[in-house]
Amino acid sequence: MIQPLTLAAADLDSPNANIALTVPRVSSPPRLEDFLDMRPSIQWQGKLAKVDNFVQRLPSDGQPSTQKTEAYMGYDNQYFYCIFVAFDSEPGKTRGHKTPRDNVTGDDKLDLFLDTYHDRRRAYVFTVNAYGHQMDGLWTEGPRNQYDSTWDSVWQSRAKATDRGFVAWIAVPFKSLRFPPAEEQTWGIVLVRWIVRDNESATWPRVSTRIEGRMSQEATLKGLRGISPGRGDMLIPYAYARSFRTLDQSVPTNPHFQSKALEPRVGADAKVVDKQSFAMDATANPDFSQVESD
């Protein structure tokens, strides 16, 4: 869970502090199919926030990206939408695998960093490869930047290759995030494209290797109004019953069957989050049969 930090004035200095992106509210969800022509369909032209001009972080810090990337963003009451249009002059060389979740490290991929408390210290990261397979985690700034891939959330993604690159669609539910209980939100945002064959990462806004950290160079995301985070409350009950008949050979001279007609068991796991700052987990009659499989 991401929590806010109290920052000194000097902590608010950022080379991209004046770069602001305002995202509009949409009346219907944008679809992947609306962008497969490598541009928004007529329905979405001018209706979403757009960014381009991705700049290399590696290998040539500050140079334009070798491949064009555009991103389109909007939101509704439930989701934040981000659609990447990733052009490729040699689309046959795009690297991607059908892989388990959180295992897209060696693929061409796209990152969405959302700093929901705008503290330039921590962010949620949502990543998709060219097949739409997901990786997510928590990013923490510091002397040694840390990416925690053990954090998993529920969100949606799709992607599809075209003859000019590929398109990736991300929908992040607000109930999967934590952010201040304010009518109008101010977040931080960084977008990253990874092109594996060229060992290239390109970002919007520019995230220079000459400056420590990534979120310290984030742009400001505005326009989010009337949204609410999920509380994270959870109740998972379980119940089962079994009967069995087994051969007891503990006494070799007297083998016999033993049986049990019915053995019921019930229990529950619960989680309660109070004011986004305190979480309590509780278990009643835990189901230890899950331990080995988990």
C-alpha atoms as a PDB file:
ATOM      1  CA  MET A   1       0.000   0.000   0.000  1.00  0.00           C
ATOM      2  CA  ILE A   2       1.305   3.460  -0.910  1.00  0.00           C
ATOM      3  CA  GLN A   3       1.086   6.146   1.757  1.00  0.00           C
ATOM      4  CA  PRO A   4       1.743   9.918   1.473  1.00  0.00           C
ATOM      5  CA  LEU A   5       4.924  11.580   2.659  1.00  0.00           C
ATOM      6  CA  THR A   6       5.451  15.018   4.182  1.00  0.00           C
ATOM      7  CA  LEU A   7       7.983  16.822   1.995  1.00  0.00           C
ATOM      8  CA  ALA A   8      10.193  19.842   2.524  1.00  0.00           C
ATOM      9  CA  ALA A   9      10.053  22.624  -0.056  1.00  0.00           C
ATOM     10  CA  ALA A  10      13.331  21.491  -1.579  1.00  0.00           C
ATOM     11  CA  ASP A  11      11.824  18.051  -2.231  1.00  0.00           C
ATOM     12  CA  LEU A  12       9.275  19.596  -4.573  1.00  0.00           C
ATOM     13  CA  ASP A  13      11.907  20.774  -7.051  1.00  0.00           C
ATOM     14  CA  SER A  14      11.693  18.787 -10.271  1.00  0.00           C
ATOM     15  CA  PRO A  15      13.011  19.452 -13.780  1.00  0.00           C
ATOM     16  CA  ASN A  16       9.532  18.573 -15.107  1.00  0.00           C
ATOM     17  CA  ALA A  17       7.461  20.240 -12.380  1.00  0.00           C
ATOM     18  CA  ASN A  18       5.949  22.640 -14.940  1.00  0.00           C
ATOM     19  CA  ILE A  19       4.923  19.893 -17.356  1.00  0.00           C
ATOM     20  CA  ALA A  20       1.250  19.166 -16.712  1.00  0.00           C
ATOM     21  CA  LEU A  21      -1.113  16.814 -18.495  1.00  0.00           C
ATOM     22  CA  THR A  22      -4.878  17.206 -18.064  1.00  0.00           C
ATOM     23  CA  VAL A  23      -6.874  14.045 -18.722  1.00  0.00           C
ATOM     24  CA  PRO A  24     -10.533  14.282 -19.741  1.00  0.00           C
ATOM     25  CA  ARG A  25     -13.465  12.294 -18.430  1.00  0.00           C
ATOM     26  CA  VAL A  26     -14.943  10.025 -21.103  1.00  0.00           C
ATOM     27  CA  SER A  27     -18.543   8.951 -21.473  1.00  0.00           C
ATOM     28  CA  SER A  28     -17.652   5.461 -22.709  1.00  0.00           C
ATOM     29  CA  PRO A  29     -14.522   3.318 -22.466  1.00  0.00           C
ATOM     30  CA  PRO A  30     -12.028   3.551 -25.330  1.00  0.00           C
ATOM     31  CA  ARG A  31     -11.314   0.168 -26.934  1.00  0.00           C
ATOM     32  CA  LEU A  32      -8.159  -1.372 -28.334  1.00  0.00           C
ATOM     33  CA  GLU A  33      -9.906  -1.781 -31.684  1.00  0.00           C
ATOM     34  CA  ASP A  34     -10.387   1.995 -31.910  1.00  0.00           C
ATOM     35  CA  PHE A  35      -6.595   2.444 -32.303  1.00  0.00           C
ATOM     36  CA  LEU A  36      -5.498  -0.423 -34.552  1.00  0.00           C
ATOM     37  CA  ASP A  37      -5.062   1.995 -37.454  1.00  0.00           C
ATOM     38  CA  MET A  38      -2.218   3.457 -35.324  1.00  0.00           C
ATOM     39  CA  ARG A  39      -4.338   6.502 -34.580  1.00  0.00           C
ATOM     40  CA  PRO A  40      -7.612   7.145 -32.762  1.00  0.00           C
ATOM     41  CA  SER A  41     -10.787   6.366 -34.648  1.00  0.00           C
ATOM     42  CA  ILE A  42     -13.026   9.289 -35.567  1.00  0.00           C
ATOM     43  CA  GLN A  43     -14.975   8.747 -32.346  1.00  0.00           C
ATOM     44  CA  TRP A  44     -11.865   9.493 -30.241  1.00  0.00           C
ATOM     45  CA  GLN A  45     -10.063  12.129 -32.246  1.00  0.00           C
ATOM     46  CA  GLY A  46      -9.504  15.100 -29.946  1.00  0.00           C
ATOM     47  CA  LYS A  47     -11.350  13.375 -27.068  1.00  0.00           C
ATOM     48  CA  LEU A  48      -8.333  12.027 -25.126  1.00  0.00           C
ATOM     49  CA  ALA A  49      -5.171  13.540 -23.712  1.00  0.00           C
ATOM     50  CA  LYS A  50      -2.234  12.789 -26.007  1.00  0.00           C
ATOM     51  CA  VAL A  51       1.517  12.729 -25.411  1.00  0.00           C
ATOM     52  CA  ASP A  52       4.366  11.894 -27.778  1.00  0.00           C
ATOM     53  CA  ASN A  53       7.957  13.082 -28.220  1.00  0.00           C
ATOM     54  CA  PHE A  54       9.409  10.276 -26.134  1.00  0.00           C
ATOM     55  CA  VAL A  55      13.075  10.904 -25.292  1.00  0.00           C
ATOM     56  CA  GLN A  56      15.794   8.314 -24.818  1.00  0.00           C
ATOM     57  CA  ARG A  57      17.040   7.586 -21.337  1.00  0.00           C
ATOM     58  CA  LEU A  58      19.262   4.799 -22.599  1.00  0.00           C
ATOM     59  CA  PRO A  59      21.497   4.397 -24.508  1.00  0.00           C
ATOM     60  CA  SER A  60      21.698   8.038 -25.706  1.00  0.00           C
ATOM     61  CA  ASP A  61      20.344  10.192 -22.896  1.00  0.00           C
ATOM     62  CA  GLY A  62      18.386  13.156 -24.242  1.00  0.00           C
ATOM     63  CA  GLN A  63      18.146  12.028 -27.871  1.00  0.00           C
ATOM     64  CA  PRO A  64      14.778  11.410 -29.563  1.00  0.00           C
ATOM     65  CA  SER A  65      13.544   7.835 -29.405  1.00  0.00           C
ATOM     66  CA  THR A  66      14.474   5.724 -32.417  1.00  0.00           C
ATOM     67  CA  GLN A  67      10.825   4.643 -32.732  1.00  0.00           C
ATOM     68  CA  LYS A  68       7.757   6.852 -32.481  1.00  0.00           C
ATOM     69  CA  THR A  69       5.428   6.340 -29.514  1.00  0.00           C
ATOM     70  CA  GLU A  70       2.115   7.998 -28.744  1.00  0.00           C
ATOM     71  CA  ALA A  71      -0.044   7.597 -25.653  1.00  0.00           C
ATOM     72  CA  TYR A  72      -3.716   8.524 -25.220  1.00  0.00           C
ATOM     73  CA  MET A  73      -5.358   8.843 -21.806  1.00  0.00           C
ATOM     74  CA  GLY A  74      -8.766   9.402 -20.248  1.00  0.00           C
ATOM     75  CA  TYR A  75     -10.889   8.213 -17.330  1.00  0.00           C
ATOM     76  CA  ASP A  76     -14.398   7.503 -16.178  1.00  0.00           C
ATOM     77  CA  ASN A  77     -15.908   6.780 -12.765  1.00  0.00           C
ATOM     78  CA  GLN A  78     -14.190   3.412 -12.491  1.00  0.00           C
ATOM     79  CA  TYR A  79     -11.048   3.289 -14.641  1.00  0.00           C
ATOM     80  CA  PHE A  80      -7.983   5.208 -15.766  1.00  0.00           C
ATOM     81  CA  TYR A  81      -7.326   4.380 -19.430  1.00  0.00           C
ATOM     82  CA  CYS A  82      -3.989   4.534 -21.224  1.00  0.00           C
ATOM     83  CA  ILE A  83      -3.566   3.432 -24.833  1.00  0.00           C
ATOM     84  CA  PHE A  84      -0.046   3.191 -26.239  1.00  0.00           C
ATOM     85  CA  VAL A  85       0.489   3.338 -30.000  1.00  0.00           C
ATOM     86  CA  ALA A  86       4.008   1.956 -30.504  1.00  0.00           C
ATOM     87  CA  PHE A  87       5.277   2.460 -34.040  1.00  0.00           C
ATOM     88  CA  ASP A  88       8.126   0.268 -35.281  1.00  0.00           C
ATOM     89  CA  SER A  89       9.990   0.710 -38.561  1.00  0.00           C
ATOM     90  CA  GLU A  90      10.794  -3.034 -38.438  1.00  0.00           C
ATOM     91  CA  PRO A  91       7.688  -4.561 -36.840  1.00  0.00           C
ATOM     92  CA  GLY A  92       8.934  -8.085 -37.448  1.00  0.00           C
ATOM     93  CA  LYS A  93      11.710  -7.469 -34.927  1.00  0.00           C
ATOM     94  CA  THR A  94       9.416  -6.552 -32.048  1.00  0.00           C
ATOM     95  CA  ARG A  95      10.250  -8.925 -29.227  1.00  0.00           C
ATOM     96  CA  GLY A  96       7.422 -10.395 -27.188  1.00  0.00           C
ATOM     97  CA  HIS A  97       6.481 -13.709 -25.618  1.00  0.00           C
ATOM     98  CA  LYS A  98       3.332 -15.319 -24.335  1.00  0.00           C
ATOM     99  CA  THR A  99       4.557 -15.511 -20.803  1.00  0.00           C
ATOM    100  CA  PRO A 100       3.280 -15.864 -17.224  1.00  0.00           C
ATOM    101  CA  ARG A 101       2.382 -12.721 -15.326  1.00  0.00           C
ATOM    102  CA  ASP A 102       5.314 -10.629 -14.032  1.00  0.00           C
ATOM    103  CA  ASN A 103       7.730 -12.273 -16.480  1.00  0.00           C
ATOM    104  CA  VAL A 104       8.016  -9.782 -19.364  1.00  0.00           C
ATOM    105  CA  THR A 105      11.488  -8.459 -18.508  1.00  0.00           C
ATOM    106  CA  GLY A 106      13.115  -9.524 -21.794  1.00  0.00           C
ATOM    107  CA  ASP A 107      10.316  -8.225 -24.041  1.00  0.00           C
ATOM    108  CA  ASP A 108       9.518  -4.955 -25.742  1.00  0.00           C
ATOM    109  CA  LYS A 109       7.168  -3.404 -23.231  1.00  0.00           C
ATOM    110  CA  LEU A 110       5.445  -0.249 -22.020  1.00  0.00           C
ATOM    111  CA  ASP A 111       5.305   1.147 -18.472  1.00  0.00           C
ATOM    112  CA  LEU A 112       2.718   3.385 -16.832  1.00  0.00           C
ATOM    113  CA  PHE A 113       3.972   4.940 -13.561  1.00  0.00           C
ATOM    114  CA  LEU A 114       1.271   6.591 -11.413  1.00  0.00           C
ATOM    115  CA  ASP A 115       2.363   8.575  -8.348  1.00  0.00           C
ATOM    116  CA  THR A 116      -1.074   8.948  -6.775  1.00  0.00           C
ATOM    117  CA  TYR A 117       0.104  11.043  -3.809  1.00  0.00           C
ATOM    118  CA  HIS A 118       2.291  13.294  -5.989  1.00  0.00           C
ATOM    119  CA  ASP A 119       5.160  12.990  -3.508  1.00  0.00           C
ATOM    120  CA  ARG A 120       7.757  12.085  -6.172  1.00  0.00           C
ATOM    121  CA  ARG A 121       8.873   9.174  -4.039  1.00  0.00           C
ATOM    122  CA  ARG A 122       6.625   6.211  -4.780  1.00  0.00           C
ATOM    123  CA  ALA A 123       4.434   4.983  -7.602  1.00  0.00           C
ATOM    124  CA  TYR A 124       2.329   2.149  -8.905  1.00  0.00           C
ATOM    125  CA  VAL A 125       3.785   0.592 -12.061  1.00  0.00           C
ATOM    126  CA  PHE A 126       1.682  -1.153 -14.714  1.00  0.00           C
ATOM    127  CA  THR A 127       3.554  -2.871 -17.553  1.00  0.00           C
ATOM    128  CA  VAL A 128       2.403  -4.675 -20.710  1.00  0.00           C
ATOM    129  CA  ASN A 129       4.319  -6.397 -23.474  1.00  0.00           C
ATOM    130  CA  ALA A 130       3.369  -6.631 -27.148  1.00  0.00           C
ATOM    131  CA  TYR A 131       0.907  -9.451 -26.347  1.00  0.00           C
ATOM    132  CA  GLY A 132      -0.790  -7.532 -23.534  1.00  0.00           C
ATOM    133  CA  HIS A 133       0.679  -9.749 -20.802  1.00  0.00           C
ATOM    134  CA  GLN A 134       0.978  -7.966 -17.476  1.00  0.00           C
ATOM    135  CA  MET A 135       3.599  -7.069 -14.930  1.00  0.00           C
ATOM    136  CA  ASP A 136       2.916  -4.754 -11.990  1.00  0.00           C
ATOM    137  CA  GLY A 137       4.656  -3.540  -8.876  1.00  0.00           C
ATOM    138  CA  LEU A 138       5.521  -0.667  -6.560  1.00  0.00           C
ATOM    139  CA  TRP A 139       8.381   1.720  -7.286  1.00  0.00           C
ATOM    140  CA  THR A 140      10.216   3.442  -4.422  1.00  0.00           C
ATOM    141  CA  GLU A 141      12.803   6.182  -4.942  1.00  0.00           C
ATOM    142  CA  GLY A 142      15.947   6.292  -2.857  1.00  0.00           C
ATOM    143  CA  PRO A 143      19.708   5.880  -2.937  1.00  0.00           C
ATOM    144  CA  ARG A 144      18.980   2.485  -4.487  1.00  0.00           C
ATOM    145  CA  ASN A 145      15.725   2.621  -6.418  1.00  0.00           C
ATOM    146  CA  GLN A 146      13.556  -0.391  -5.607  1.00  0.00           C
ATOM    147  CA  TYR A 147      10.908  -2.174  -7.628  1.00  0.00           C
ATOM    148  CA  ASP A 148       8.672  -4.496  -5.619  1.00  0.00           C
ATOM    149  CA  SER A 149       7.179  -7.025  -8.026  1.00  0.00           C
ATOM    150  CA  THR A 150       5.430  -8.918  -5.218  1.00  0.00           C
ATOM    151  CA  TRP A 151       2.617  -6.354  -5.284  1.00  0.00           C
ATOM    152  CA  ASP A 152      -0.177  -7.592  -7.539  1.00  0.00           C
ATOM    153  CA  SER A 153      -3.419  -5.909  -8.405  1.00  0.00           C
ATOM    154  CA  VAL A 154      -6.442  -6.518 -10.608  1.00  0.00           C
ATOM    155  CA  TRP A 155      -6.409  -4.500 -13.836  1.00  0.00           C
ATOM    156  CA  GLN A 156      -7.031  -5.059 -17.515  1.00  0.00           C
ATOM    157  CA  SER A 157      -4.738  -5.033 -20.535  1.00  0.00           C
ATOM    158  CA  ARG A 158      -4.787  -6.025 -24.183  1.00  0.00           C
ATOM    159  CA  ALA A 159      -2.360  -5.596 -27.064  1.00  0.00           C
ATOM    160  CA  LYS A 160      -2.204  -6.413 -30.742  1.00  0.00           C
ATOM    161  CA  ALA A 161       0.481  -6.269 -33.417  1.00  0.00           C
ATOM    162  CA  THR A 162      -0.087  -4.277 -36.607  1.00  0.00           C
ATOM    163  CA  ASP A 163       1.921  -3.889 -39.800  1.00  0.00           C
ATOM    164  CA  ARG A 164       3.442  -0.703 -38.321  1.00  0.00           C
ATOM    165  CA  GLY A 165       4.132  -1.770 -34.735  1.00  0.00           C
ATOM    166  CA  PHE A 166       1.706  -2.649 -31.976  1.00  0.00           C
ATOM    167  CA  VAL A 167      -1.017  -1.099 -29.815  1.00  0.00           C
ATOM    168  CA  ALA A 168      -1.429  -1.728 -26.073  1.00  0.00           C
ATOM    169  CA  TRP A 169      -4.517  -0.898 -24.004  1.00  0.00           C
ATOM    170  CA  ILE A 170      -4.485  -0.536 -20.208  1.00  0.00           C
ATOM    171  CA  ALA A 171      -7.431   0.020 -17.867  1.00  0.00           C
ATOM    172  CA  VAL A 172      -6.559   0.545 -14.184  1.00  0.00           C
ATOM    173  CA  PRO A 173      -9.517   0.496 -11.768  1.00  0.00           C
ATOM    174  CA  PHE A 174      -9.402   3.247  -9.162  1.00  0.00           C
ATOM    175  CA  LYS A 175     -10.461   0.710  -6.535  1.00  0.00           C
ATOM    176  CA  SER A 176      -7.056  -0.958  -6.987  1.00  0.00           C
ATOM    177  CA  LEU A 177      -5.244   2.258  -6.013  1.00  0.00           C
ATOM    178  CA  ARG A 178      -4.798   4.411  -2.926  1.00  0.00           C
ATOM    179  CA  PHE A 179      -4.937   8.209  -3.186  1.00  0.00           C
ATOM    180  CA  PRO A 180      -6.078  11.207  -1.113  1.00  0.00           C
ATOM    181  CA  PRO A 181      -9.830  11.608  -0.474  1.00  0.00           C
ATOM    182  CA  ALA A 182     -10.046  14.874  -2.440  1.00  0.00           C
ATOM    183  CA  GLU A 183     -12.591  15.970  -5.025  1.00  0.00           C
ATOM    184  CA  GLU A 184      -9.817  16.950  -7.443  1.00  0.00           C
ATOM    185  CA  GLN A 185      -6.691  14.817  -7.713  1.00  0.00           C
ATOM    186  CA  THR A 186      -3.135  15.809  -8.619  1.00  0.00           C
ATOM    187  CA  TRP A 187      -0.898  12.864  -9.446  1.00  0.00           C
ATOM    188  CA  GLY A 188       2.497  12.301 -11.011  1.00  0.00           C
ATOM    189  CA  ILE A 189       3.037  10.322 -14.191  1.00  0.00           C
ATOM    190  CA  VAL A 190       5.891   8.794 -16.185  1.00  0.00           C
ATOM    191  CA  LEU A 191       5.554   6.683 -19.341  1.00  0.00           C
ATOM    192  CA  VAL A 192       8.334   4.382 -20.554  1.00  0.00           C
ATOM    193  CA  ARG A 193       8.860   2.376 -23.733  1.00  0.00           C
ATOM    194  CA  TRP A 194      11.478  -0.397 -23.842  1.00  0.00           C
ATOM    195  CA  ILE A 195      12.950  -1.504 -27.205  1.00  0.00           C
ATOM    196  CA  VAL A 196      14.997  -4.564 -26.389  1.00  0.00           C
ATOM    197  CA  ARG A 197      16.931  -5.051 -29.637  1.00  0.00           C
ATOM    198  CA  ASP A 198      18.456  -1.570 -29.292  1.00  0.00           C
ATOM    199  CA  ASN A 199      18.851  -1.701 -25.501  1.00  0.00           C
ATOM    200  CA  GLU A 200      16.698   1.430 -25.515  1.00  0.00           C
ATOM    201  CA  SER A 201      14.354   2.932 -22.967  1.00  0.00           C
ATOM    202  CA  ALA A 202      12.503   6.097 -23.914  1.00  0.00           C
ATOM    203  CA  THR A 203      10.340   8.160 -21.584  1.00  0.00           C
ATOM    204  CA  TRP A 204       7.742  10.867 -21.415  1.00  0.00           C
ATOM    205  CA  PRO A 205       8.536  13.280 -19.941  1.00  0.00           C
ATOM    206  CA  ARG A 206      12.317  13.103 -20.254  1.00  0.00           C
ATOM    207  CA  VAL A 207      13.820  11.103 -17.384  1.00  0.00           C
ATOM    208  CA  SER A 208      17.562  11.725 -17.529  1.00  0.00           C
ATOM    209  CA  THR A 209      20.251   9.385 -16.238  1.00  0.00           C
ATOM    210  CA  ARG A 210      22.073  12.534 -15.102  1.00  0.00           C
ATOM    211  CA  ILE A 211      19.471  13.058 -12.362  1.00  0.00           C
ATOM    212  CA  GLU A 212      18.932  10.504  -9.621  1.00  0.00           C
ATOM    213  CA  GLY A 213      15.542   8.843  -9.554  1.00  0.00           C
ATOM    214  CA  ARG A 214      12.626   8.574 -11.935  1.00  0.00           C
ATOM    215  CA  MET A 215       9.651   9.956 -10.048  1.00  0.00           C
ATOM    216  CA  SER A 216      11.722  13.016  -9.131  1.00  0.00           C
ATOM    217  CA  GLN A 217      11.398  13.842 -12.853  1.00  0.00           C
ATOM    218  CA  GLU A 218       7.713  13.009 -13.255  1.00  0.00           C
ATOM    219  CA  ALA A 219       5.153  15.186 -15.012  1.00  0.00           C
ATOM    220  CA  THR A 220       2.004  16.356 -13.220  1.00  0.00           C
ATOM    221  CA  LEU A 221      -1.297  14.636 -14.002  1.00  0.00           C
ATOM    222  CA  LYS A 222      -4.437  16.737 -13.561  1.00  0.00           C
ATOM    223  CA  GLY A 223      -8.128  16.608 -14.432  1.00  0.00           C
ATOM    224  CA  LEU A 224      -9.175  13.665 -12.256  1.00  0.00           C
ATOM    225  CA  ARG A 225     -12.362  14.637 -10.425  1.00  0.00           C
ATOM    226  CA  GLY A 226     -15.056  12.811  -8.513  1.00  0.00           C
ATOM    227  CA  ILE A 227     -13.224   9.498  -8.211  1.00  0.00           C
ATOM    228  CA  SER A 228     -12.750   7.388  -5.097  1.00  0.00           C
ATOM    229  CA  PRO A 229     -10.188   4.736  -4.163  1.00  0.00           C
ATOM    230  CA  GLY A 230     -11.013   1.250  -3.080  1.00  0.00           C
ATOM    231  CA  ARG A 231     -10.929   0.701   0.669  1.00  0.00           C
ATOM    232  CA  GLY A 232      -9.306  -2.681   0.338  1.00  0.00           C
ATOM    233  CA  ASP A 233     -11.839  -4.338   2.683  1.00  0.00           C
ATOM    234  CA  MET A 234     -12.105  -8.026   1.980  1.00  0.00           C
ATOM    235  CA  LEU A 235     -13.969 -11.043   3.328  1.00  0.00           C
ATOM    236  CA  ILE A 236     -13.235 -14.519   1.970  1.00  0.00           C
ATOM    237  CA  PRO A 237     -15.279 -17.254   3.653  1.00  0.00           C
ATOM    238  CA  TYR A 238     -14.749 -20.938   3.020  1.00  0.00           C
ATOM    239  CA  ALA A 239     -16.540 -24.166   3.846  1.00  0.00           C
ATOM    240  CA  TYR A 240     -16.038 -27.786   2.980  1.00  0.00           C
ATOM    241  CA  ALA A 241     -16.898 -31.267   4.186  1.00  0.00           C
ATOM    242  CA  ARG A 242     -15.325 -34.648   3.585  1.00  0.00           C
ATOM    243  CA  SER A 243     -15.881 -38.309   4.316  1.00  0.00           C
ATOM    244  CA  PHE A 244     -13.343 -41.088   3.958  1.00  0.00           C
ATOM    245  CA  ARG A 245     -12.584 -44.768   4.538  1.00  0.00           C
ATOM    246  CA  THR A 246      -8.967 -45.903   4.890  1.00  0.00           C
ATOM    247  CA  LEU A 247      -7.136 -49.098   5.736  1.00  0.00           C
ATOM    248  CA  ASP A 248      -5.292 -48.867   9.055  1.00  0.00           C
ATOM    249  CA  GLN A 249      -2.229 -51.160   9.019  1.00  0.00           C
ATOM    250  CA  SER A 250      -0.516 -49.704  12.056  1.00  0.00           C
ATOM    251  CA  VAL A 251      -0.886 -53.124  13.743  1.00  0.00           C
ATOM    252  CA  PRO A 252       0.239 -55.712  11.166  1.00  0.00           C
ATOM    253  CA  THR A 253      -1.646 -58.540  12.863  1.00  0.00           C
ATOM    254  CA  ASN A 254      -4.888 -56.591  12.965  1.00  0.00           C
ATOM    255  CA  PRO A 255      -5.451 -54.509   9.805  1.00  0.00           C
ATOM    256  CA  HIS A 256      -8.842 -52.829   9.734  1.00  0.00           C
ATOM    257  CA  PHE A 257     -10.766 -50.087   8.000  1.00  0.00           C
ATOM    258  CA  GLN A 258     -11.505 -46.817   9.683  1.00  0.00           C
ATOM    259  CA  SER A 259     -13.956 -44.265   8.335  1.00  0.00           C
ATOM    260  CA  LYS A 260     -15.557 -40.942   9.037  1.00  0.00           C
ATOM    261  CA  ALA A 261     -18.990 -40.196   7.639  1.00  0.00           C
ATOM    262  CA  LEU A 262     -18.777 -36.392   7.631  1.00  0.00           C
ATOM    263  CA  GLU A 263     -16.091 -33.909   8.650  1.00  0.00           C
ATOM    264  CA  PRO A 264     -17.273 -30.311   8.098  1.00  0.00           C
ATOM    265  CA  ARG A 265     -15.052 -27.223   8.376  1.00  0.00           C
ATOM    266  CA  VAL A 266     -15.743 -23.501   7.985  1.00  0.00           C
ATOM    267  CA  GLY A 267     -13.651 -20.346   8.351  1.00  0.00           C
ATOM    268  CA  ALA A 268     -12.901 -16.931   6.897  1.00  0.00           C
ATOM    269  CA  ASP A 269     -10.112 -14.488   6.035  1.00  0.00           C
ATOM    270  CA  ALA A 270     -10.828 -10.761   6.488  1.00  0.00           C
ATOM    271  CA  LYS A 271      -9.014  -7.506   5.778  1.00  0.00           C
ATOM    272  CA  VAL A 272     -10.110  -4.043   6.938  1.00  0.00           C
ATOM    273  CA  VAL A 273      -8.458  -0.772   5.875  1.00  0.00           C
ATOM    274  CA  ASP A 274      -9.120   2.344   7.956  1.00  0.00           C
ATOM    275  CA  LYS A 275      -8.521   5.776   6.379  1.00  0.00           C
ATOM    276  CA  GLN A 276      -5.907   4.366   3.995  1.00  0.00           C
ATOM    277  CA  SER A 277      -3.309   4.318   6.768  1.00  0.00           C
ATOM    278  CA  PHE A 278      -4.100   1.289   8.921  1.00  0.00           C
ATOM    279  CA  ALA A 279      -4.756  -2.258   7.787  1.00  0.00           C
ATOM    280  CA  MET A 280      -5.859  -5.205   9.897  1.00  0.00           C
ATOM    281  CA  ASP A 281      -5.850  -8.818   8.749  1.00  0.00           C
ATOM    282  CA  ALA A 282      -7.716 -11.526  10.608  1.00  0.00           C
ATOM    283  CA  THR A 283      -8.337 -15.222  10.090  1.00  0.00           C
ATOM    284  CA  ALA A 284     -10.940 -17.409  11.758  1.00  0.00           C
ATOM    285  CA  ASN A 285     -10.254 -21.141  11.745  1.00  0.00           C
ATOM    286  CA  PRO A 286      -7.550 -20.971   9.026  1.00  0.00           C
ATOM    287  CA  ASP A 287      -7.545 -23.507   6.215  1.00  0.00           C
ATOM    288  CA  PHE A 288      -4.021 -24.897   6.518  1.00  0.00           C
ATOM    289  CA  SER A 289      -4.590 -27.164   3.552  1.00  0.00           C
ATOM    290  CA  GLN A 290      -3.878 -24.107   1.383  1.00  0.00           C
ATOM    291  CA  VAL A 291      -0.393 -23.540   2.779  1.00  0.00           C
ATOM    292  CA  GLU A 292       1.412 -26.081   0.608  1.00  0.00           C
ATOM    293  CA  SER A 293      -0.346 -25.050  -2.621  1.00  0.00           C
ATOM    294  CA  ASP A 294       0.224 -21.339  -1.956  1.00  0.00           C
END
